[in-house]
N, C-alpha and C. Protein backbone atom coordinates (compact mmCIF):
# COMPACT_ATOMS: atom_id res chain seq x y z
N MET A 1 20.34 68.49 -107.46
CA MET A 1 19.22 69.29 -106.70
C MET A 1 19.94 70.37 -105.68
N GLY A 2 19.18 71.18 -105.38
CA GLY A 2 20.17 72.38 -104.68
C GLY A 2 19.95 72.00 -103.38
N GLU A 3 20.14 72.80 -102.00
CA GLU A 3 19.99 72.44 -101.09
C GLU A 3 18.64 73.14 -100.37
N VAL A 4 17.90 72.48 -99.51
CA VAL A 4 16.66 73.63 -98.93
C VAL A 4 16.59 73.10 -97.33
N THR A 5 16.35 74.45 -97.11
CA THR A 5 16.85 74.87 -95.40
C THR A 5 15.31 74.45 -94.92
N VAL A 6 14.87 73.49 -93.79
CA VAL A 6 13.65 73.12 -93.23
C VAL A 6 13.47 74.20 -91.96
N HIS A 7 13.18 74.97 -91.92
CA HIS A 7 12.46 76.02 -90.17
C HIS A 7 11.95 74.84 -89.20
N ALA A 8 12.19 74.09 -89.05
CA ALA A 8 11.70 72.65 -88.15
C ALA A 8 10.57 73.63 -86.72
N LEU A 9 11.67 74.88 -86.77
CA LEU A 9 11.44 75.18 -85.12
C LEU A 9 11.77 76.76 -85.39
N ARG A 10 10.55 77.20 -85.15
CA ARG A 10 11.19 79.28 -85.60
C ARG A 10 9.99 79.70 -84.12
N GLY A 11 10.81 80.38 -83.28
CA GLY A 11 10.20 81.24 -82.84
C GLY A 11 9.53 80.66 -81.23
N ILE A 12 10.13 79.82 -80.91
CA ILE A 12 10.17 78.77 -80.15
C ILE A 12 10.73 79.11 -77.92
N ASN A 13 10.04 79.78 -77.72
CA ASN A 13 11.05 79.85 -76.69
C ASN A 13 10.26 78.89 -75.21
N LEU A 14 10.84 78.00 -74.56
CA LEU A 14 9.70 76.77 -74.02
C LEU A 14 10.54 76.98 -72.68
N ALA A 15 9.96 76.88 -71.82
CA ALA A 15 10.64 76.67 -69.88
C ALA A 15 9.78 75.77 -69.27
N ILE A 16 11.00 74.42 -68.72
CA ILE A 16 10.21 73.29 -68.03
C ILE A 16 10.75 73.36 -66.86
N GLN A 17 9.78 73.46 -65.74
CA GLN A 17 10.13 73.84 -64.33
C GLN A 17 10.05 72.51 -63.40
N GLU A 18 10.46 72.29 -62.73
CA GLU A 18 11.13 70.76 -62.03
C GLU A 18 9.66 70.94 -61.18
N GLY A 19 8.96 69.21 -61.61
CA GLY A 19 8.23 69.22 -61.52
C GLY A 19 7.06 68.91 -62.23
N ASP A 20 7.11 69.88 -63.58
CA ASP A 20 6.04 70.18 -64.56
C ASP A 20 6.47 68.70 -65.38
N PHE A 21 4.78 68.21 -65.88
CA PHE A 21 4.61 67.37 -66.64
C PHE A 21 4.83 67.88 -68.00
N VAL A 22 4.88 67.08 -69.16
CA VAL A 22 5.10 68.21 -70.36
C VAL A 22 4.11 66.88 -71.26
N ALA A 23 3.76 67.44 -72.16
CA ALA A 23 3.15 66.52 -73.62
C ALA A 23 3.46 67.55 -74.91
N VAL A 24 3.83 66.63 -75.65
CA VAL A 24 4.05 67.19 -77.21
C VAL A 24 3.29 66.61 -78.42
N ALA A 25 2.59 67.25 -78.40
CA ALA A 25 1.45 67.02 -79.13
C ALA A 25 1.40 67.80 -80.97
N GLY A 26 1.00 66.85 -82.00
CA GLY A 26 0.75 67.88 -83.17
C GLY A 26 0.72 66.73 -84.41
N PRO A 27 0.88 67.89 -85.76
CA PRO A 27 0.11 67.24 -86.53
C PRO A 27 1.73 66.17 -87.15
N SER A 28 1.45 65.80 -87.99
CA SER A 28 2.61 65.09 -88.16
C SER A 28 3.34 66.27 -89.35
N GLY A 29 4.81 66.39 -89.32
CA GLY A 29 5.45 67.30 -89.75
C GLY A 29 5.87 69.04 -89.00
N ALA A 30 4.95 68.92 -87.71
CA ALA A 30 4.84 69.97 -86.69
C ALA A 30 6.38 69.86 -86.07
N GLY A 31 6.93 69.36 -85.83
CA GLY A 31 8.33 69.47 -85.34
C GLY A 31 8.49 68.99 -83.86
N LYS A 32 7.52 68.02 -84.03
CA LYS A 32 7.27 66.84 -82.87
C LYS A 32 9.02 66.43 -82.09
N THR A 33 9.30 65.60 -82.95
CA THR A 33 10.58 64.65 -83.36
C THR A 33 11.75 66.03 -83.01
N THR A 34 12.08 66.83 -83.65
CA THR A 34 12.80 67.74 -83.38
C THR A 34 12.88 68.58 -82.53
N ILE A 35 11.54 68.77 -81.35
CA ILE A 35 11.66 69.65 -80.31
C ILE A 35 12.17 68.90 -79.14
N MET A 36 12.02 66.89 -79.42
CA MET A 36 12.12 65.92 -78.53
C MET A 36 13.65 66.16 -78.49
N ASN A 37 14.03 66.23 -79.23
CA ASN A 37 16.17 66.00 -79.95
C ASN A 37 16.86 67.01 -79.13
N MET A 38 16.02 67.63 -79.51
CA MET A 38 16.68 69.13 -78.56
C MET A 38 16.58 69.48 -77.31
N ILE A 39 15.90 68.36 -76.75
CA ILE A 39 15.15 68.74 -75.08
C ILE A 39 16.25 67.74 -75.26
N GLY A 40 16.24 66.38 -75.30
CA GLY A 40 17.14 64.84 -75.19
C GLY A 40 18.44 65.96 -75.32
N LEU A 41 19.05 66.80 -75.90
CA LEU A 41 20.22 67.09 -76.37
C LEU A 41 20.82 66.27 -77.60
N VAL A 42 20.02 65.58 -77.84
CA VAL A 42 20.14 64.43 -79.07
C VAL A 42 21.24 65.24 -80.36
N ASP A 43 20.45 66.97 -80.71
CA ASP A 43 20.51 67.24 -81.79
C ASP A 43 20.75 68.69 -81.09
N GLN A 44 21.71 69.56 -81.46
CA GLN A 44 21.85 70.96 -81.30
C GLN A 44 21.19 72.38 -82.23
N PRO A 45 20.90 73.24 -81.81
CA PRO A 45 20.03 73.80 -82.69
C PRO A 45 21.10 74.93 -83.60
N SER A 46 20.31 74.81 -85.03
CA SER A 46 21.62 75.79 -85.62
C SER A 46 21.66 77.20 -86.04
N SER A 47 20.70 77.78 -85.08
CA SER A 47 20.65 79.01 -84.33
C SER A 47 19.62 78.83 -83.27
N GLY A 48 19.47 80.05 -82.46
CA GLY A 48 19.63 80.31 -80.99
C GLY A 48 20.13 78.90 -79.73
N SER A 49 19.59 78.92 -79.17
CA SER A 49 20.61 77.99 -78.04
C SER A 49 19.33 77.32 -77.22
N ILE A 50 19.95 76.69 -76.25
CA ILE A 50 19.37 75.41 -75.19
C ILE A 50 20.32 75.48 -73.95
N SER A 51 19.28 76.57 -72.85
CA SER A 51 20.08 76.26 -71.29
C SER A 51 18.96 75.73 -70.66
N ILE A 52 20.86 74.93 -69.39
CA ILE A 52 19.48 73.66 -68.58
C ILE A 52 20.25 74.17 -67.30
N ALA A 53 19.52 75.11 -66.70
CA ALA A 53 19.69 75.09 -65.38
C ALA A 53 20.68 76.64 -64.94
N GLY A 54 20.06 77.94 -66.59
CA GLY A 54 20.62 78.51 -66.76
C GLY A 54 22.05 78.64 -67.37
N LYS A 55 22.38 77.43 -68.09
CA LYS A 55 24.16 77.05 -68.54
C LYS A 55 23.56 77.27 -70.22
N SER A 56 24.21 77.40 -70.99
CA SER A 56 24.07 76.87 -72.55
C SER A 56 24.78 75.71 -72.23
N THR A 57 24.05 74.95 -73.46
CA THR A 57 24.62 73.81 -74.01
C THR A 57 26.14 74.00 -74.71
N ALA A 58 25.91 74.98 -75.66
CA ALA A 58 26.33 75.31 -76.69
C ALA A 58 28.09 74.90 -76.81
N GLY A 59 29.01 74.35 -77.57
CA GLY A 59 29.78 74.21 -77.34
C GLY A 59 30.13 72.92 -75.92
N LEU A 60 29.57 72.16 -75.69
CA LEU A 60 29.61 71.38 -74.72
C LEU A 60 30.03 69.91 -75.82
N ASN A 61 30.75 68.76 -75.59
CA ASN A 61 31.53 68.27 -75.79
C ASN A 61 30.40 66.91 -75.43
N ASP A 62 30.63 65.43 -76.16
CA ASP A 62 29.58 64.57 -75.92
C ASP A 62 29.37 64.21 -74.22
N ASN A 63 30.34 64.05 -73.92
CA ASN A 63 30.35 63.78 -72.02
C ASN A 63 29.76 65.01 -71.06
N GLN A 64 30.08 66.38 -71.90
CA GLN A 64 29.45 66.79 -70.87
C GLN A 64 28.20 66.93 -71.16
N LEU A 65 27.53 66.73 -72.75
CA LEU A 65 26.00 67.06 -73.12
C LEU A 65 25.38 65.67 -72.31
N THR A 66 26.28 64.45 -72.11
CA THR A 66 25.43 63.64 -71.58
C THR A 66 25.44 63.90 -69.40
N ASP A 67 26.10 64.54 -68.98
CA ASP A 67 25.99 65.26 -67.81
C ASP A 67 24.46 65.76 -67.75
N HIS A 68 24.34 66.62 -68.47
CA HIS A 68 22.99 66.92 -68.54
C HIS A 68 21.50 66.51 -68.72
N VAL A 69 21.77 65.48 -69.50
CA VAL A 69 20.42 64.72 -69.76
C VAL A 69 20.46 63.71 -68.54
N VAL A 70 19.41 63.88 -68.08
CA VAL A 70 18.73 63.02 -67.38
C VAL A 70 17.50 61.79 -67.35
N LEU A 71 17.27 60.49 -66.91
CA LEU A 71 15.94 59.90 -67.36
C LEU A 71 15.16 59.67 -66.69
N LEU A 72 13.59 59.41 -67.18
CA LEU A 72 12.49 59.22 -66.39
C LEU A 72 12.33 57.92 -65.91
N LYS A 73 12.06 57.48 -64.84
CA LYS A 73 12.30 55.94 -64.80
C LYS A 73 10.84 56.06 -63.77
N ASP A 74 10.24 55.15 -63.61
CA ASP A 74 8.83 55.02 -62.70
C ASP A 74 8.46 56.27 -62.25
N GLY A 75 8.49 57.00 -63.04
CA GLY A 75 7.95 58.80 -62.30
C GLY A 75 9.07 59.41 -61.66
N LYS A 76 10.36 59.12 -61.44
CA LYS A 76 11.34 59.86 -60.92
C LYS A 76 12.10 60.02 -62.02
N VAL A 77 12.83 61.41 -61.67
CA VAL A 77 13.99 61.52 -62.47
C VAL A 77 15.53 60.91 -61.57
N GLU A 78 16.13 60.26 -62.87
CA GLU A 78 17.49 60.00 -62.13
C GLU A 78 18.39 60.68 -63.12
N ALA A 79 19.62 61.15 -62.80
CA ALA A 79 20.56 61.66 -63.25
C ALA A 79 21.80 60.44 -63.79
């Protein structure tokens, strides 16, 4: 079988500001898990970019990516 290219996210431009509450909803196959993995820096895009506080995450190693991840606990963001 040949390779199949899946365009899970196309034309996405998402800006989340400090204090924003965000919900991700949609039908099966809409890309919810993919966008959450991108936001959580679990996955990197094959094209395009992810920036946090104006800084690109491209080329960062696992330790550097971990520095950018924040956890939500009891409604408060923890670094």
